[in-house]
């Protein structure tokens, strides 16, 4: 699937209009239901294929934030052969009491994987926690970057945001249909 075909498919599968409340509390009339493209095996593998092309060569471990980043990082792991750590928003209060499960990040070059980036606060918080555990992180890959400001905020944390698509890339498919 070409990048253009993938953008069109993501638009057709997941773009919605109506009244939506974002995690930040802001209201929006446009929304991408990421779970609709993440739950489609063909789209998910198309996304992973595009992300694999953007993956920094020195990456040793992939990290996905629950819940949305998990399917994307798993598919990318399968294609790239890279090990994964799955990161919770907060450490488990039972079992292993871990923040991250899977591959050990200590001393490893880790690339954060996200689905849709609107704000960067959760990414920054997660990166800080992983850096405190010894992870070396300088890149965040995402499927859709919805907000250019997120790139600037991440840069303040010495993080480069690389996206397969911007929101504008996907919305362009509405015009070109």
C-alpha atoms as a PDB file:
ATOM      1  CA  UNK A   1       0.000   0.000   0.000  1.00  0.00           C
ATOM      2  CA  UNK A   2       1.446   3.373  -1.012  1.00  0.00           C
ATOM      3  CA  UNK A   3       1.659   6.224   1.466  1.00  0.00           C
ATOM      4  CA  UNK A   4      -1.083   8.084  -0.418  1.00  0.00           C
ATOM      5  CA  UNK A   5      -3.346   5.020  -0.377  1.00  0.00           C
ATOM      6  CA  UNK A   6      -2.661   4.597   3.324  1.00  0.00           C
ATOM      7  CA  UNK A   7      -3.597   8.228   4.037  1.00  0.00           C
ATOM      8  CA  UNK A   8      -6.827   7.789   2.092  1.00  0.00           C
ATOM      9  CA  UNK A   9      -7.655   4.563   3.938  1.00  0.00           C
ATOM     10  CA  UNK A  10      -6.951   6.119   7.354  1.00  0.00           C
ATOM     11  CA  UNK A  11      -9.173   9.056   6.447  1.00  0.00           C
ATOM     12  CA  UNK A  12     -12.009   6.829   5.239  1.00  0.00           C
ATOM     13  CA  UNK A  13     -11.736   4.476   8.218  1.00  0.00           C
ATOM     14  CA  UNK A  14     -11.185   6.839  11.132  1.00  0.00           C
ATOM     15  CA  UNK A  15     -12.080  10.474  10.360  1.00  0.00           C
ATOM     16  CA  UNK A  16     -15.216  11.724  12.103  1.00  0.00           C
ATOM     17  CA  UNK A  17     -17.043  14.999  12.504  1.00  0.00           C
ATOM     18  CA  UNK A  18     -19.336  16.002  15.352  1.00  0.00           C
ATOM     19  CA  UNK A  19     -18.802  17.106  18.942  1.00  0.00           C
ATOM     20  CA  UNK A  20     -15.739  15.598  20.567  1.00  0.00           C
ATOM     21  CA  UNK A  21     -13.891  16.335  23.783  1.00  0.00           C
ATOM     22  CA  UNK A  22     -10.129  15.916  23.695  1.00  0.00           C
ATOM     23  CA  UNK A  23      -8.010  14.636  26.593  1.00  0.00           C
ATOM     24  CA  UNK A  24      -6.977  18.244  27.235  1.00  0.00           C
ATOM     25  CA  UNK A  25     -10.613  19.170  27.743  1.00  0.00           C
ATOM     26  CA  UNK A  26     -10.766  21.176  24.519  1.00  0.00           C
ATOM     27  CA  UNK A  27     -13.703  20.628  22.212  1.00  0.00           C
ATOM     28  CA  UNK A  28     -13.218  19.781  18.561  1.00  0.00           C
ATOM     29  CA  UNK A  29     -15.465  19.125  15.586  1.00  0.00           C
ATOM     30  CA  UNK A  30     -12.943  16.853  13.840  1.00  0.00           C
ATOM     31  CA  UNK A  31     -11.626  13.620  15.262  1.00  0.00           C
ATOM     32  CA  UNK A  32      -9.525  10.638  14.205  1.00  0.00           C
ATOM     33  CA  UNK A  33     -10.667   7.472  15.974  1.00  0.00           C
ATOM     34  CA  UNK A  34      -7.262   5.824  16.137  1.00  0.00           C
ATOM     35  CA  UNK A  35      -8.736   2.545  17.312  1.00  0.00           C
ATOM     36  CA  UNK A  36     -10.527   2.182  14.000  1.00  0.00           C
ATOM     37  CA  UNK A  37      -7.262   2.227  12.026  1.00  0.00           C
ATOM     38  CA  UNK A  38      -5.308   0.331  14.693  1.00  0.00           C
ATOM     39  CA  UNK A  39      -7.826  -2.511  14.731  1.00  0.00           C
ATOM     40  CA  UNK A  40      -7.646  -3.044  10.957  1.00  0.00           C
ATOM     41  CA  UNK A  41      -4.789  -5.492  10.215  1.00  0.00           C
ATOM     42  CA  UNK A  42      -4.185  -4.204   6.690  1.00  0.00           C
ATOM     43  CA  UNK A  43      -3.997  -0.561   7.811  1.00  0.00           C
ATOM     44  CA  UNK A  44      -1.916  -1.437  10.860  1.00  0.00           C
ATOM     45  CA  UNK A  45       0.670  -3.249   8.748  1.00  0.00           C
ATOM     46  CA  UNK A  46       0.676  -0.380   6.232  1.00  0.00           C
ATOM     47  CA  UNK A  47       1.336   2.020   9.102  1.00  0.00           C
ATOM     48  CA  UNK A  48       4.102  -0.193  10.508  1.00  0.00           C
ATOM     49  CA  UNK A  49       5.714  -0.376   7.064  1.00  0.00           C
ATOM     50  CA  UNK A  50       5.794   3.428   6.818  1.00  0.00           C
ATOM     51  CA  UNK A  51       7.117   3.777  10.390  1.00  0.00           C
ATOM     52  CA  UNK A  52       9.863   1.234   9.713  1.00  0.00           C
ATOM     53  CA  UNK A  53      11.210   3.527   6.972  1.00  0.00           C
ATOM     54  CA  UNK A  54      11.447   6.381   9.520  1.00  0.00           C
ATOM     55  CA  UNK A  55      12.990   4.370  12.359  1.00  0.00           C
ATOM     56  CA  UNK A  56      16.443   5.698  13.335  1.00  0.00           C
ATOM     57  CA  UNK A  57      19.155   3.159  12.494  1.00  0.00           C
ATOM     58  CA  UNK A  58      20.615   3.168  15.990  1.00  0.00           C
ATOM     59  CA  UNK A  59      17.327   2.118  17.630  1.00  0.00           C
ATOM     60  CA  UNK A  60      17.684  -0.884  19.924  1.00  0.00           C
ATOM     61  CA  UNK A  61      14.302  -0.888  21.678  1.00  0.00           C
ATOM     62  CA  UNK A  62      10.851   0.364  20.710  1.00  0.00           C
ATOM     63  CA  UNK A  63       8.604   1.818  23.419  1.00  0.00           C
ATOM     64  CA  UNK A  64       4.837   2.159  23.183  1.00  0.00           C
ATOM     65  CA  UNK A  65       2.617   4.005  25.636  1.00  0.00           C
ATOM     66  CA  UNK A  66      -0.583   2.258  26.647  1.00  0.00           C
ATOM     67  CA  UNK A  67      -3.158   2.002  25.213  1.00  0.00           C
ATOM     68  CA  UNK A  68      -3.033   3.471  21.719  1.00  0.00           C
ATOM     69  CA  UNK A  69       0.688   3.011  21.142  1.00  0.00           C
ATOM     70  CA  UNK A  70       0.610  -0.718  21.910  1.00  0.00           C
ATOM     71  CA  UNK A  71      -0.835  -2.070  18.631  1.00  0.00           C
ATOM     72  CA  UNK A  72       1.365   0.239  16.553  1.00  0.00           C
ATOM     73  CA  UNK A  73       4.583  -0.590  18.416  1.00  0.00           C
ATOM     74  CA  UNK A  74       3.808  -4.319  18.305  1.00  0.00           C
ATOM     75  CA  UNK A  75       3.271  -4.268  14.536  1.00  0.00           C
ATOM     76  CA  UNK A  76       6.470  -2.244  14.065  1.00  0.00           C
ATOM     77  CA  UNK A  77       8.375  -4.715  16.257  1.00  0.00           C
ATOM     78  CA  UNK A  78       7.230  -7.601  14.077  1.00  0.00           C
ATOM     79  CA  UNK A  79       8.382  -5.845  10.892  1.00  0.00           C
ATOM     80  CA  UNK A  80      11.624  -4.401  12.248  1.00  0.00           C
ATOM     81  CA  UNK A  81      12.751  -7.241  14.498  1.00  0.00           C
ATOM     82  CA  UNK A  82      13.259  -4.756  17.356  1.00  0.00           C
ATOM     83  CA  UNK A  83      12.330  -5.658  20.930  1.00  0.00           C
ATOM     84  CA  UNK A  84       9.584  -3.715  22.689  1.00  0.00           C
ATOM     85  CA  UNK A  85       8.864  -2.237  26.065  1.00  0.00           C
ATOM     86  CA  UNK A  86       5.251  -1.438  26.870  1.00  0.00           C
ATOM     87  CA  UNK A  87       4.942   1.630  29.072  1.00  0.00           C
ATOM     88  CA  UNK A  88       2.097   2.299  31.467  1.00  0.00           C
ATOM     89  CA  UNK A  89       0.975   5.811  32.353  1.00  0.00           C
ATOM     90  CA  UNK A  90       1.855   4.916  35.953  1.00  0.00           C
ATOM     91  CA  UNK A  91       3.584   1.956  37.571  1.00  0.00           C
ATOM     92  CA  UNK A  92       1.467  -1.088  38.349  1.00  0.00           C
ATOM     93  CA  UNK A  93       0.200  -1.226  41.916  1.00  0.00           C
ATOM     94  CA  UNK A  94       0.276  -5.034  41.851  1.00  0.00           C
ATOM     95  CA  UNK A  95       2.249  -7.892  40.321  1.00  0.00           C
ATOM     96  CA  UNK A  96       5.688  -6.638  39.257  1.00  0.00           C
ATOM     97  CA  UNK A  97       4.929  -2.991  40.160  1.00  0.00           C
ATOM     98  CA  UNK A  98       6.638  -1.975  36.915  1.00  0.00           C
ATOM     99  CA  UNK A  99       6.163   1.130  34.814  1.00  0.00           C
ATOM    100  CA  UNK A 100       7.470  -0.668  31.726  1.00  0.00           C
ATOM    101  CA  UNK A 101       7.064  -4.307  30.746  1.00  0.00           C
ATOM    102  CA  UNK A 102       9.085  -6.201  28.198  1.00  0.00           C
ATOM    103  CA  UNK A 103      12.591  -5.317  27.019  1.00  0.00           C
ATOM    104  CA  UNK A 104      14.933  -3.630  29.493  1.00  0.00           C
ATOM    105  CA  UNK A 105      15.683  -0.033  28.464  1.00  0.00           C
ATOM    106  CA  UNK A 106      18.717   0.637  30.685  1.00  0.00           C
ATOM    107  CA  UNK A 107      21.583   1.902  28.537  1.00  0.00           C
ATOM    108  CA  UNK A 108      19.621   1.233  25.320  1.00  0.00           C
ATOM    109  CA  UNK A 109      18.733   3.549  22.411  1.00  0.00           C
ATOM    110  CA  UNK A 110      14.939   3.706  22.676  1.00  0.00           C
ATOM    111  CA  UNK A 111      12.505   5.126  20.127  1.00  0.00           C
ATOM    112  CA  UNK A 112       9.059   6.139  21.419  1.00  0.00           C
ATOM    113  CA  UNK A 113       6.159   5.075  19.198  1.00  0.00           C
ATOM    114  CA  UNK A 114       2.765   6.807  19.328  1.00  0.00           C
ATOM    115  CA  UNK A 115      -0.390   6.737  17.270  1.00  0.00           C
ATOM    116  CA  UNK A 116      -1.805  10.271  17.260  1.00  0.00           C
ATOM    117  CA  UNK A 117       0.079  13.179  18.829  1.00  0.00           C
ATOM    118  CA  UNK A 118      -1.973  16.198  19.795  1.00  0.00           C
ATOM    119  CA  UNK A 119      -0.229  17.389  22.900  1.00  0.00           C
ATOM    120  CA  UNK A 120       3.122  16.214  24.053  1.00  0.00           C
ATOM    121  CA  UNK A 121       2.665  16.158  27.840  1.00  0.00           C
ATOM    122  CA  UNK A 122       2.125  12.383  28.165  1.00  0.00           C
ATOM    123  CA  UNK A 123       5.078  11.666  25.884  1.00  0.00           C
ATOM    124  CA  UNK A 124       7.356  14.017  27.828  1.00  0.00           C
ATOM    125  CA  UNK A 125       6.292  12.527  31.162  1.00  0.00           C
ATOM    126  CA  UNK A 126       6.873   8.990  29.877  1.00  0.00           C
ATOM    127  CA  UNK A 127      10.247   9.836  28.336  1.00  0.00           C
ATOM    128  CA  UNK A 128      11.416  11.387  31.624  1.00  0.00           C
ATOM    129  CA  UNK A 129      10.436   8.234  33.512  1.00  0.00           C
ATOM    130  CA  UNK A 130      12.246   6.008  31.002  1.00  0.00           C
ATOM    131  CA  UNK A 131      15.318   8.262  31.012  1.00  0.00           C
ATOM    132  CA  UNK A 132      15.364   7.954  34.809  1.00  0.00           C
ATOM    133  CA  UNK A 133      15.597   4.194  34.235  1.00  0.00           C
ATOM    134  CA  UNK A 134      18.596   4.646  31.945  1.00  0.00           C
ATOM    135  CA  UNK A 135      16.925   4.790  28.516  1.00  0.00           C
ATOM    136  CA  UNK A 136      18.580   6.895  25.827  1.00  0.00           C
ATOM    137  CA  UNK A 137      15.706   8.550  23.954  1.00  0.00           C
ATOM    138  CA  UNK A 138      15.873  11.289  21.334  1.00  0.00           C
ATOM    139  CA  UNK A 139      13.165  10.339  18.806  1.00  0.00           C
ATOM    140  CA  UNK A 140       9.392   9.953  18.868  1.00  0.00           C
ATOM    141  CA  UNK A 141       7.691   8.388  15.837  1.00  0.00           C
ATOM    142  CA  UNK A 142       3.964   8.760  15.353  1.00  0.00           C
ATOM    143  CA  UNK A 143       1.317   7.930  12.789  1.00  0.00           C
ATOM    144  CA  UNK A 144      -0.475  11.316  12.801  1.00  0.00           C
ATOM    145  CA  UNK A 145       0.795  14.608  14.221  1.00  0.00           C
ATOM    146  CA  UNK A 146      -2.274  16.757  14.802  1.00  0.00           C
ATOM    147  CA  UNK A 147      -0.532  19.750  16.341  1.00  0.00           C
ATOM    148  CA  UNK A 148       2.668  21.450  15.135  1.00  0.00           C
ATOM    149  CA  UNK A 149       3.140  22.888  18.635  1.00  0.00           C
ATOM    150  CA  UNK A 150       3.810  19.374  19.963  1.00  0.00           C
ATOM    151  CA  UNK A 151       6.960  19.220  17.826  1.00  0.00           C
ATOM    152  CA  UNK A 152       8.249  22.407  19.468  1.00  0.00           C
ATOM    153  CA  UNK A 153       7.420  21.227  22.990  1.00  0.00           C
ATOM    154  CA  UNK A 154       9.196  17.930  22.376  1.00  0.00           C
ATOM    155  CA  UNK A 155      12.226  19.764  20.986  1.00  0.00           C
ATOM    156  CA  UNK A 156      12.544  21.528  24.356  1.00  0.00           C
ATOM    157  CA  UNK A 157      13.062  18.056  25.830  1.00  0.00           C
ATOM    158  CA  UNK A 158      15.705  17.149  23.208  1.00  0.00           C
ATOM    159  CA  UNK A 159      13.212  14.995  21.341  1.00  0.00           C
ATOM    160  CA  UNK A 160      12.589  14.936  17.607  1.00  0.00           C
ATOM    161  CA  UNK A 161       9.035  14.190  16.507  1.00  0.00           C
ATOM    162  CA  UNK A 162       8.769  12.389  13.176  1.00  0.00           C
ATOM    163  CA  UNK A 163       5.328  11.594  11.816  1.00  0.00           C
ATOM    164  CA  UNK A 164       4.159   9.472   8.925  1.00  0.00           C
ATOM    165  CA  UNK A 165       1.379  12.023   8.379  1.00  0.00           C
ATOM    166  CA  UNK A 166       0.254  15.381   9.639  1.00  0.00           C
ATOM    167  CA  UNK A 167      -3.424  16.025  10.167  1.00  0.00           C
ATOM    168  CA  UNK A 168      -3.329  18.124   7.004  1.00  0.00           C
ATOM    169  CA  UNK A 169      -1.948  15.187   4.999  1.00  0.00           C
ATOM    170  CA  UNK A 170      -4.900  13.035   6.009  1.00  0.00           C
ATOM    171  CA  UNK A 171      -7.503  15.780   5.588  1.00  0.00           C
ATOM    172  CA  UNK A 172      -6.196  16.460   2.088  1.00  0.00           C
ATOM    173  CA  UNK A 173      -7.711  13.099   1.145  1.00  0.00           C
ATOM    174  CA  UNK A 174     -11.150  14.585   1.780  1.00  0.00           C
ATOM    175  CA  UNK A 175     -10.473  17.127  -0.969  1.00  0.00           C
ATOM    176  CA  UNK A 176      -8.787  14.716  -3.384  1.00  0.00           C
ATOM    177  CA  UNK A 177     -11.403  11.940  -3.123  1.00  0.00           C
END
